[in-house]
N, C-alpha and C. Protein backbone atom coordinates (compact mmCIF):
# COMPACT_ATOMS: atom_id res chain seq x y z
N MET A 1 97.50 -21.17 -12.54
CA MET A 1 97.58 -19.92 -11.76
C MET A 1 96.21 -19.58 -11.21
N SER A 2 96.11 -19.21 -9.96
CA SER A 2 94.84 -18.88 -9.32
C SER A 2 94.37 -17.50 -9.78
N ASN A 3 93.02 -17.37 -9.80
CA ASN A 3 92.41 -16.07 -10.11
C ASN A 3 92.13 -15.28 -8.84
N VAL A 4 92.37 -15.84 -7.68
CA VAL A 4 92.02 -15.19 -6.41
C VAL A 4 92.79 -13.90 -6.26
N GLY A 5 92.06 -12.80 -6.02
CA GLY A 5 92.64 -11.51 -5.76
C GLY A 5 93.40 -10.87 -6.95
N ARG A 6 93.10 -11.27 -8.18
CA ARG A 6 93.83 -10.76 -9.32
C ARG A 6 93.36 -9.42 -9.83
N ALA A 7 92.40 -8.81 -9.16
CA ALA A 7 91.91 -7.51 -9.63
C ALA A 7 92.91 -6.39 -9.41
N GLY A 8 93.95 -6.63 -8.57
CA GLY A 8 95.00 -5.70 -8.42
C GLY A 8 94.78 -4.64 -7.32
N THR A 9 93.69 -4.71 -6.60
CA THR A 9 93.39 -3.72 -5.59
C THR A 9 93.76 -4.20 -4.20
N GLY A 10 94.07 -5.46 -4.03
CA GLY A 10 94.30 -6.03 -2.71
C GLY A 10 93.02 -6.37 -1.99
N ARG A 11 91.86 -5.99 -2.55
CA ARG A 11 90.58 -6.33 -1.96
C ARG A 11 90.13 -7.70 -2.44
N PRO A 12 89.23 -8.36 -1.69
CA PRO A 12 88.65 -9.60 -2.18
C PRO A 12 88.02 -9.36 -3.56
N THR A 13 87.96 -10.40 -4.34
CA THR A 13 87.51 -10.29 -5.72
C THR A 13 86.29 -11.14 -6.01
N LEU A 14 85.35 -10.60 -6.80
CA LEU A 14 84.28 -11.35 -7.39
C LEU A 14 84.52 -11.34 -8.89
N ARG A 15 84.73 -12.52 -9.46
CA ARG A 15 84.92 -12.61 -10.92
C ARG A 15 83.56 -12.92 -11.53
N VAL A 16 83.21 -12.19 -12.59
CA VAL A 16 81.88 -12.27 -13.19
C VAL A 16 81.98 -12.62 -14.66
N VAL A 17 81.12 -13.52 -15.08
CA VAL A 17 80.99 -13.92 -16.52
C VAL A 17 79.61 -13.52 -16.96
N ARG A 18 79.54 -12.84 -18.09
CA ARG A 18 78.23 -12.57 -18.72
C ARG A 18 77.85 -13.84 -19.49
N LEU A 19 76.72 -14.40 -19.15
CA LEU A 19 76.21 -15.57 -19.89
C LEU A 19 75.37 -15.18 -21.08
N ARG A 20 74.89 -13.94 -21.07
CA ARG A 20 74.17 -13.36 -22.21
C ARG A 20 74.75 -11.96 -22.42
N ALA A 21 74.95 -11.56 -23.66
CA ALA A 21 75.60 -10.29 -23.99
C ALA A 21 74.86 -9.10 -23.36
N SER A 22 73.57 -9.20 -23.21
CA SER A 22 72.78 -8.07 -22.69
C SER A 22 72.75 -8.02 -21.14
N ALA A 23 73.30 -9.06 -20.49
CA ALA A 23 73.23 -9.08 -19.00
C ALA A 23 73.99 -7.89 -18.41
N LEU A 24 73.41 -7.34 -17.36
CA LEU A 24 74.00 -6.19 -16.67
C LEU A 24 74.75 -6.66 -15.44
N LEU A 25 75.88 -6.04 -15.18
CA LEU A 25 76.67 -6.36 -13.99
C LEU A 25 76.03 -5.75 -12.76
N PRO A 26 76.18 -6.40 -11.59
CA PRO A 26 75.67 -5.84 -10.35
C PRO A 26 76.24 -4.42 -10.16
N ALA A 27 75.40 -3.50 -9.66
CA ALA A 27 75.86 -2.11 -9.50
C ALA A 27 75.21 -1.47 -8.29
N ARG A 28 75.99 -0.63 -7.60
CA ARG A 28 75.47 0.19 -6.54
C ARG A 28 74.74 1.38 -7.14
N GLN A 29 73.65 1.79 -6.49
CA GLN A 29 72.93 2.95 -6.96
C GLN A 29 73.39 4.25 -6.30
N THR A 30 74.04 4.13 -5.14
CA THR A 30 74.64 5.27 -4.48
C THR A 30 75.99 4.84 -3.94
N PRO A 31 76.90 5.76 -3.73
CA PRO A 31 78.25 5.39 -3.27
C PRO A 31 78.31 4.68 -1.92
N LEU A 32 77.35 4.92 -1.04
CA LEU A 32 77.37 4.33 0.30
C LEU A 32 76.42 3.13 0.43
N ALA A 33 75.81 2.72 -0.63
CA ALA A 33 74.91 1.54 -0.58
C ALA A 33 75.72 0.31 -0.24
N SER A 34 75.16 -0.56 0.62
CA SER A 34 75.87 -1.80 0.96
C SER A 34 75.57 -2.91 -0.06
N GLY A 35 74.47 -2.79 -0.77
CA GLY A 35 74.11 -3.79 -1.75
C GLY A 35 74.32 -3.36 -3.17
N PHE A 36 74.58 -4.35 -4.04
CA PHE A 36 74.73 -4.15 -5.45
C PHE A 36 73.46 -4.69 -6.11
N ASP A 37 72.75 -3.90 -6.87
CA ASP A 37 71.52 -4.35 -7.50
C ASP A 37 71.82 -5.46 -8.52
N LEU A 38 70.97 -6.46 -8.52
CA LEU A 38 71.00 -7.55 -9.49
C LEU A 38 69.85 -7.29 -10.49
N TYR A 39 70.12 -7.53 -11.77
CA TYR A 39 69.19 -7.22 -12.83
C TYR A 39 68.68 -8.51 -13.51
N ALA A 40 67.41 -8.48 -13.89
CA ALA A 40 66.86 -9.61 -14.65
C ALA A 40 67.47 -9.62 -16.04
N SER A 41 67.79 -10.80 -16.54
CA SER A 41 68.28 -10.99 -17.88
C SER A 41 67.37 -12.02 -18.57
N LEU A 42 66.44 -11.51 -19.33
CA LEU A 42 65.34 -12.35 -19.83
C LEU A 42 65.35 -12.39 -21.35
N ALA A 43 66.01 -13.40 -21.87
CA ALA A 43 66.13 -13.57 -23.33
C ALA A 43 64.78 -13.92 -23.98
N ASP A 44 63.87 -14.51 -23.21
CA ASP A 44 62.60 -14.97 -23.78
C ASP A 44 61.43 -14.07 -23.40
N GLY A 45 61.67 -12.84 -22.99
CA GLY A 45 60.59 -11.92 -22.67
C GLY A 45 60.32 -11.87 -21.17
N PRO A 46 59.34 -11.04 -20.79
CA PRO A 46 59.01 -10.82 -19.38
C PRO A 46 58.62 -12.11 -18.65
N VAL A 47 58.81 -12.07 -17.34
CA VAL A 47 58.42 -13.19 -16.45
C VAL A 47 57.37 -12.67 -15.50
N THR A 48 56.29 -13.45 -15.30
CA THR A 48 55.27 -13.08 -14.36
C THR A 48 55.55 -13.77 -13.02
N VAL A 49 55.64 -12.95 -11.97
CA VAL A 49 55.84 -13.45 -10.62
C VAL A 49 54.51 -13.40 -9.91
N GLY A 50 54.16 -14.51 -9.26
CA GLY A 50 52.92 -14.60 -8.51
C GLY A 50 53.18 -15.16 -7.13
N ALA A 51 52.16 -15.86 -6.60
CA ALA A 51 52.26 -16.40 -5.25
C ALA A 51 53.22 -17.59 -5.15
N MET A 52 53.40 -18.30 -6.27
CA MET A 52 54.34 -19.42 -6.30
C MET A 52 55.70 -18.91 -6.70
N PRO A 53 56.76 -19.36 -5.99
CA PRO A 53 58.09 -18.88 -6.33
C PRO A 53 58.51 -19.19 -7.76
N VAL A 54 59.19 -18.26 -8.37
CA VAL A 54 59.71 -18.41 -9.73
C VAL A 54 61.16 -17.97 -9.71
N ARG A 55 62.00 -18.67 -10.45
CA ARG A 55 63.44 -18.31 -10.51
C ARG A 55 63.65 -17.38 -11.70
N VAL A 56 64.21 -16.21 -11.42
CA VAL A 56 64.47 -15.20 -12.45
C VAL A 56 65.95 -15.15 -12.73
N PRO A 57 66.34 -15.38 -13.98
CA PRO A 57 67.77 -15.37 -14.31
C PRO A 57 68.35 -13.96 -14.35
N THR A 58 69.66 -13.88 -14.04
CA THR A 58 70.39 -12.61 -14.06
C THR A 58 71.34 -12.52 -15.25
N GLY A 59 71.64 -13.66 -15.90
CA GLY A 59 72.54 -13.65 -17.00
C GLY A 59 74.01 -13.57 -16.65
N ILE A 60 74.31 -13.76 -15.37
CA ILE A 60 75.71 -13.72 -14.93
C ILE A 60 76.01 -14.94 -14.04
N ALA A 61 77.27 -15.28 -14.02
CA ALA A 61 77.79 -16.28 -13.07
C ALA A 61 78.93 -15.58 -12.33
N ILE A 62 79.08 -15.94 -11.07
CA ILE A 62 80.03 -15.26 -10.18
C ILE A 62 80.92 -16.28 -9.49
N ALA A 63 82.21 -16.00 -9.43
CA ALA A 63 83.16 -16.78 -8.63
C ALA A 63 83.69 -15.86 -7.55
N ALA A 64 83.42 -16.19 -6.31
CA ALA A 64 83.86 -15.35 -5.17
C ALA A 64 85.13 -15.93 -4.57
N ASP A 65 85.97 -15.03 -4.08
CA ASP A 65 87.14 -15.47 -3.36
C ASP A 65 86.71 -16.28 -2.12
N PRO A 66 87.46 -17.33 -1.76
CA PRO A 66 87.16 -18.02 -0.49
C PRO A 66 87.18 -17.01 0.65
N GLY A 67 86.31 -17.22 1.63
CA GLY A 67 86.28 -16.31 2.76
C GLY A 67 85.26 -15.19 2.61
N LEU A 68 84.52 -15.20 1.48
CA LEU A 68 83.47 -14.19 1.26
C LEU A 68 82.11 -14.86 1.41
N ASP A 69 81.17 -14.13 2.01
CA ASP A 69 79.78 -14.54 2.12
C ASP A 69 79.01 -13.66 1.16
N VAL A 70 78.56 -14.22 0.06
CA VAL A 70 77.84 -13.48 -0.99
C VAL A 70 76.37 -13.84 -0.89
N GLN A 71 75.56 -12.83 -0.55
CA GLN A 71 74.11 -13.08 -0.28
C GLN A 71 73.25 -12.33 -1.27
N ILE A 72 72.18 -13.01 -1.70
CA ILE A 72 71.11 -12.38 -2.47
C ILE A 72 70.06 -11.97 -1.45
N ARG A 73 69.67 -10.71 -1.50
CA ARG A 73 68.66 -10.18 -0.58
C ARG A 73 67.57 -9.46 -1.35
N PRO A 74 66.38 -9.32 -0.73
CA PRO A 74 65.32 -8.57 -1.38
C PRO A 74 65.67 -7.09 -1.51
N ARG A 75 65.11 -6.44 -2.52
CA ARG A 75 65.20 -4.99 -2.63
C ARG A 75 64.09 -4.39 -1.81
N SER A 76 64.41 -3.41 -1.00
CA SER A 76 63.40 -2.84 -0.08
C SER A 76 62.23 -2.20 -0.84
N GLY A 77 62.50 -1.55 -1.97
CA GLY A 77 61.43 -0.91 -2.73
C GLY A 77 60.42 -1.91 -3.24
N LEU A 78 60.90 -3.08 -3.74
CA LEU A 78 59.98 -4.11 -4.18
C LEU A 78 59.28 -4.76 -3.00
N ALA A 79 60.02 -5.03 -1.94
CA ALA A 79 59.41 -5.65 -0.76
C ALA A 79 58.29 -4.79 -0.18
N ALA A 80 58.46 -3.48 -0.19
CA ALA A 80 57.43 -2.59 0.32
C ALA A 80 56.15 -2.67 -0.52
N ARG A 81 56.29 -3.15 -1.76
CA ARG A 81 55.12 -3.32 -2.63
C ARG A 81 54.60 -4.76 -2.61
N GLY A 82 55.24 -5.63 -1.81
CA GLY A 82 54.79 -7.02 -1.69
C GLY A 82 55.42 -7.97 -2.67
N VAL A 83 56.50 -7.52 -3.35
CA VAL A 83 57.24 -8.37 -4.29
C VAL A 83 58.55 -8.77 -3.62
N LEU A 84 58.72 -10.02 -3.34
CA LEU A 84 59.83 -10.46 -2.52
C LEU A 84 60.83 -11.33 -3.28
N ALA A 85 62.08 -11.19 -2.93
CA ALA A 85 63.13 -12.11 -3.37
C ALA A 85 63.56 -12.91 -2.16
N VAL A 86 63.77 -14.19 -2.36
CA VAL A 86 64.15 -15.06 -1.26
C VAL A 86 65.63 -14.88 -0.97
N LEU A 87 65.97 -14.75 0.32
CA LEU A 87 67.37 -14.64 0.72
C LEU A 87 68.11 -15.88 0.24
N GLY A 88 69.26 -15.71 -0.35
CA GLY A 88 70.03 -16.82 -0.84
C GLY A 88 71.50 -16.58 -0.66
N THR A 89 72.27 -17.63 -0.74
CA THR A 89 73.73 -17.55 -0.61
C THR A 89 74.38 -18.12 -1.84
N LEU A 90 75.42 -17.41 -2.33
CA LEU A 90 76.25 -17.95 -3.42
C LEU A 90 77.54 -18.46 -2.81
N ASP A 91 77.66 -19.76 -2.74
CA ASP A 91 78.85 -20.38 -2.16
C ASP A 91 80.04 -20.12 -3.08
N ALA A 92 81.23 -20.05 -2.49
CA ALA A 92 82.47 -19.76 -3.24
C ALA A 92 82.76 -20.79 -4.33
N ASP A 93 82.23 -22.00 -4.21
CA ASP A 93 82.48 -23.03 -5.22
C ASP A 93 81.35 -23.16 -6.27
N TYR A 94 80.33 -22.31 -6.20
CA TYR A 94 79.21 -22.36 -7.18
C TYR A 94 79.62 -21.56 -8.44
N ARG A 95 79.38 -22.16 -9.61
CA ARG A 95 79.75 -21.49 -10.85
C ARG A 95 78.59 -21.35 -11.83
N GLY A 96 77.39 -21.68 -11.40
CA GLY A 96 76.24 -21.56 -12.28
C GLY A 96 75.66 -20.14 -12.32
N GLU A 97 74.65 -19.98 -13.16
CA GLU A 97 74.01 -18.68 -13.29
C GLU A 97 73.37 -18.26 -11.97
N VAL A 98 73.53 -16.99 -11.65
CA VAL A 98 72.88 -16.43 -10.48
C VAL A 98 71.39 -16.29 -10.79
N MET A 99 70.58 -16.99 -10.00
CA MET A 99 69.13 -16.96 -10.16
C MET A 99 68.53 -16.32 -8.89
N VAL A 100 67.49 -15.54 -9.08
CA VAL A 100 66.81 -14.90 -7.95
C VAL A 100 65.41 -15.53 -7.85
N THR A 101 65.13 -16.17 -6.72
CA THR A 101 63.82 -16.74 -6.49
C THR A 101 62.90 -15.65 -5.97
N MET A 102 61.79 -15.39 -6.70
CA MET A 102 60.89 -14.32 -6.38
C MET A 102 59.47 -14.82 -6.24
N TYR A 103 58.68 -14.11 -5.41
CA TYR A 103 57.25 -14.36 -5.32
C TYR A 103 56.56 -13.12 -4.85
N CYS A 104 55.25 -13.09 -4.96
CA CYS A 104 54.42 -11.94 -4.48
C CYS A 104 53.58 -12.38 -3.31
N LEU A 105 53.37 -11.44 -2.40
CA LEU A 105 52.39 -11.70 -1.34
C LEU A 105 51.01 -11.86 -1.97
N PRO A 106 50.14 -12.70 -1.37
CA PRO A 106 48.84 -13.01 -1.99
C PRO A 106 47.99 -11.76 -2.34
N ALA A 107 48.02 -10.73 -1.53
CA ALA A 107 47.22 -9.55 -1.81
C ALA A 107 47.66 -8.77 -3.05
N ILE A 108 48.91 -9.00 -3.48
CA ILE A 108 49.46 -8.27 -4.61
C ILE A 108 48.98 -8.85 -5.95
N GLY A 109 48.79 -10.16 -5.96
CA GLY A 109 48.43 -10.83 -7.21
C GLY A 109 49.68 -11.16 -7.98
N GLU A 110 49.91 -10.47 -9.12
CA GLU A 110 51.06 -10.77 -9.95
C GLU A 110 51.88 -9.50 -10.21
N PHE A 111 53.15 -9.72 -10.55
CA PHE A 111 54.05 -8.63 -10.87
C PHE A 111 54.86 -9.06 -12.07
N GLU A 112 55.00 -8.21 -13.05
CA GLU A 112 55.73 -8.57 -14.26
C GLU A 112 57.18 -8.04 -14.16
N VAL A 113 58.13 -8.93 -14.37
CA VAL A 113 59.55 -8.58 -14.39
C VAL A 113 59.97 -8.52 -15.86
N ALA A 114 60.57 -7.40 -16.24
CA ALA A 114 61.07 -7.23 -17.60
C ALA A 114 62.60 -7.31 -17.64
N ASP A 115 63.14 -7.57 -18.80
CA ASP A 115 64.57 -7.60 -18.98
C ASP A 115 65.20 -6.28 -18.50
N GLY A 116 66.24 -6.40 -17.67
CA GLY A 116 66.91 -5.19 -17.17
C GLY A 116 66.35 -4.64 -15.87
N ASP A 117 65.24 -5.17 -15.39
CA ASP A 117 64.67 -4.70 -14.10
C ASP A 117 65.60 -5.06 -12.96
N ARG A 118 65.66 -4.17 -11.98
CA ARG A 118 66.39 -4.48 -10.73
C ARG A 118 65.51 -5.38 -9.90
N ILE A 119 66.01 -6.56 -9.52
CA ILE A 119 65.15 -7.57 -8.87
C ILE A 119 65.61 -7.97 -7.48
N ALA A 120 66.85 -7.70 -7.12
CA ALA A 120 67.37 -8.10 -5.82
C ALA A 120 68.67 -7.36 -5.58
N GLN A 121 69.26 -7.60 -4.42
CA GLN A 121 70.53 -7.01 -4.09
C GLN A 121 71.56 -8.13 -3.82
N LEU A 122 72.79 -7.83 -4.10
CA LEU A 122 73.89 -8.72 -3.77
C LEU A 122 74.71 -8.00 -2.70
N VAL A 123 74.88 -8.69 -1.55
CA VAL A 123 75.66 -8.12 -0.45
C VAL A 123 76.83 -9.06 -0.18
N VAL A 124 78.02 -8.49 -0.08
CA VAL A 124 79.23 -9.27 0.11
C VAL A 124 79.86 -8.90 1.43
N VAL A 125 80.08 -9.88 2.32
CA VAL A 125 80.71 -9.65 3.61
C VAL A 125 81.75 -10.73 3.90
N PRO A 126 82.69 -10.44 4.78
CA PRO A 126 83.63 -11.51 5.16
C PRO A 126 82.93 -12.67 5.83
N LEU A 127 83.36 -13.86 5.55
CA LEU A 127 82.82 -15.06 6.15
C LEU A 127 83.69 -15.45 7.34
N VAL A 128 83.07 -15.67 8.45
CA VAL A 128 83.81 -16.05 9.67
C VAL A 128 83.70 -17.56 9.84
N GLU A 129 84.85 -18.20 10.02
CA GLU A 129 84.87 -19.64 10.27
C GLU A 129 84.94 -19.85 11.77
N PRO A 130 83.82 -20.22 12.42
CA PRO A 130 83.83 -20.35 13.88
C PRO A 130 84.51 -21.66 14.32
N GLU A 131 84.89 -21.66 15.53
CA GLU A 131 85.37 -22.88 16.16
C GLU A 131 84.15 -23.43 16.91
N TRP A 132 83.78 -24.66 16.60
CA TRP A 132 82.62 -25.28 17.23
C TRP A 132 83.07 -25.91 18.55
N GLN A 133 82.38 -25.59 19.62
CA GLN A 133 82.73 -26.12 20.94
C GLN A 133 81.49 -26.76 21.54
N LEU A 134 81.54 -28.05 21.75
CA LEU A 134 80.44 -28.81 22.34
C LEU A 134 80.52 -28.61 23.86
N VAL A 135 79.41 -28.15 24.46
CA VAL A 135 79.35 -27.93 25.89
C VAL A 135 78.11 -28.66 26.45
N ASP A 136 78.05 -28.83 27.76
CA ASP A 136 76.93 -29.49 28.40
C ASP A 136 75.77 -28.55 28.63
N VAL A 137 76.03 -27.26 28.84
CA VAL A 137 75.02 -26.31 29.15
C VAL A 137 75.47 -24.90 28.65
N LEU A 138 74.52 -24.07 28.27
CA LEU A 138 74.83 -22.71 27.85
C LEU A 138 74.67 -21.76 29.04
N ASP A 139 75.38 -20.64 29.00
CA ASP A 139 75.25 -19.67 30.07
C ASP A 139 73.86 -19.02 30.09
N ASP A 140 73.42 -18.54 31.24
CA ASP A 140 72.12 -17.89 31.37
C ASP A 140 72.19 -16.44 30.90
N THR A 141 71.11 -15.96 30.29
CA THR A 141 70.97 -14.56 29.91
C THR A 141 69.60 -14.08 30.36
N GLU A 142 69.40 -12.78 30.33
CA GLU A 142 68.09 -12.23 30.71
C GLU A 142 66.99 -12.77 29.79
N ARG A 143 67.27 -12.88 28.52
CA ARG A 143 66.28 -13.40 27.55
C ARG A 143 66.08 -14.87 27.71
N GLY A 144 67.14 -15.59 27.97
CA GLY A 144 67.01 -17.03 28.13
C GLY A 144 66.53 -17.73 26.89
N ARG A 145 65.45 -18.54 27.03
CA ARG A 145 64.92 -19.31 25.88
C ARG A 145 63.78 -18.56 25.18
N GLY A 146 63.57 -17.31 25.50
CA GLY A 146 62.50 -16.55 24.83
C GLY A 146 62.71 -16.51 23.33
N GLY A 147 61.68 -16.85 22.57
CA GLY A 147 61.78 -16.91 21.14
C GLY A 147 61.34 -15.69 20.43
N HIS A 148 60.82 -15.85 19.24
CA HIS A 148 60.38 -14.73 18.36
C HIS A 148 59.42 -13.84 19.16
N GLY A 149 59.71 -12.55 19.18
CA GLY A 149 58.83 -11.61 19.84
C GLY A 149 59.03 -11.50 21.32
N SER A 150 59.95 -12.26 21.90
CA SER A 150 60.11 -12.29 23.35
C SER A 150 60.69 -10.99 23.91
N THR A 151 61.33 -10.20 23.05
CA THR A 151 61.89 -8.92 23.55
C THR A 151 60.95 -7.78 23.27
N GLY A 152 59.74 -8.06 22.84
CA GLY A 152 58.74 -7.00 22.56
C GLY A 152 58.43 -6.91 21.12
N LEU A 153 57.27 -6.37 20.81
CA LEU A 153 56.80 -6.26 19.44
C LEU A 153 57.26 -4.97 18.77
N ARG A 154 57.77 -4.02 19.51
CA ARG A 154 58.22 -2.76 18.91
C ARG A 154 59.65 -2.48 19.24
């Protein structure tokens, strides 16, 4: 029997397993927040994040319904301080522990992550399956081939 949509709400479902008893489930901090905070689950004590990326465990594994795009994104409060989480995707067929890759901007030095700290956000959106169409040429637009910054810096 499939577990897809078994939560009983008719909404898409994320099934979560705690890999450590102390692991915290993703949670919204306000009712209208689009992201669910992810928490560090550190059985062996704090982790020091520096200029080199380090993977911080969350203590949970997630199974998403097919058709969902589950993304790990930085928390804006940490990013404003120079502590970044790398954008990541949890594919619907991945069953391992959710890990958050983090690093600090060079001017920050190091940042200590403790057990239970909010380290990233999880955002869930519908996944669109496009139809790929091979063409000989693309239509013209005002922007054309202008790349990064081509529409202005502000």
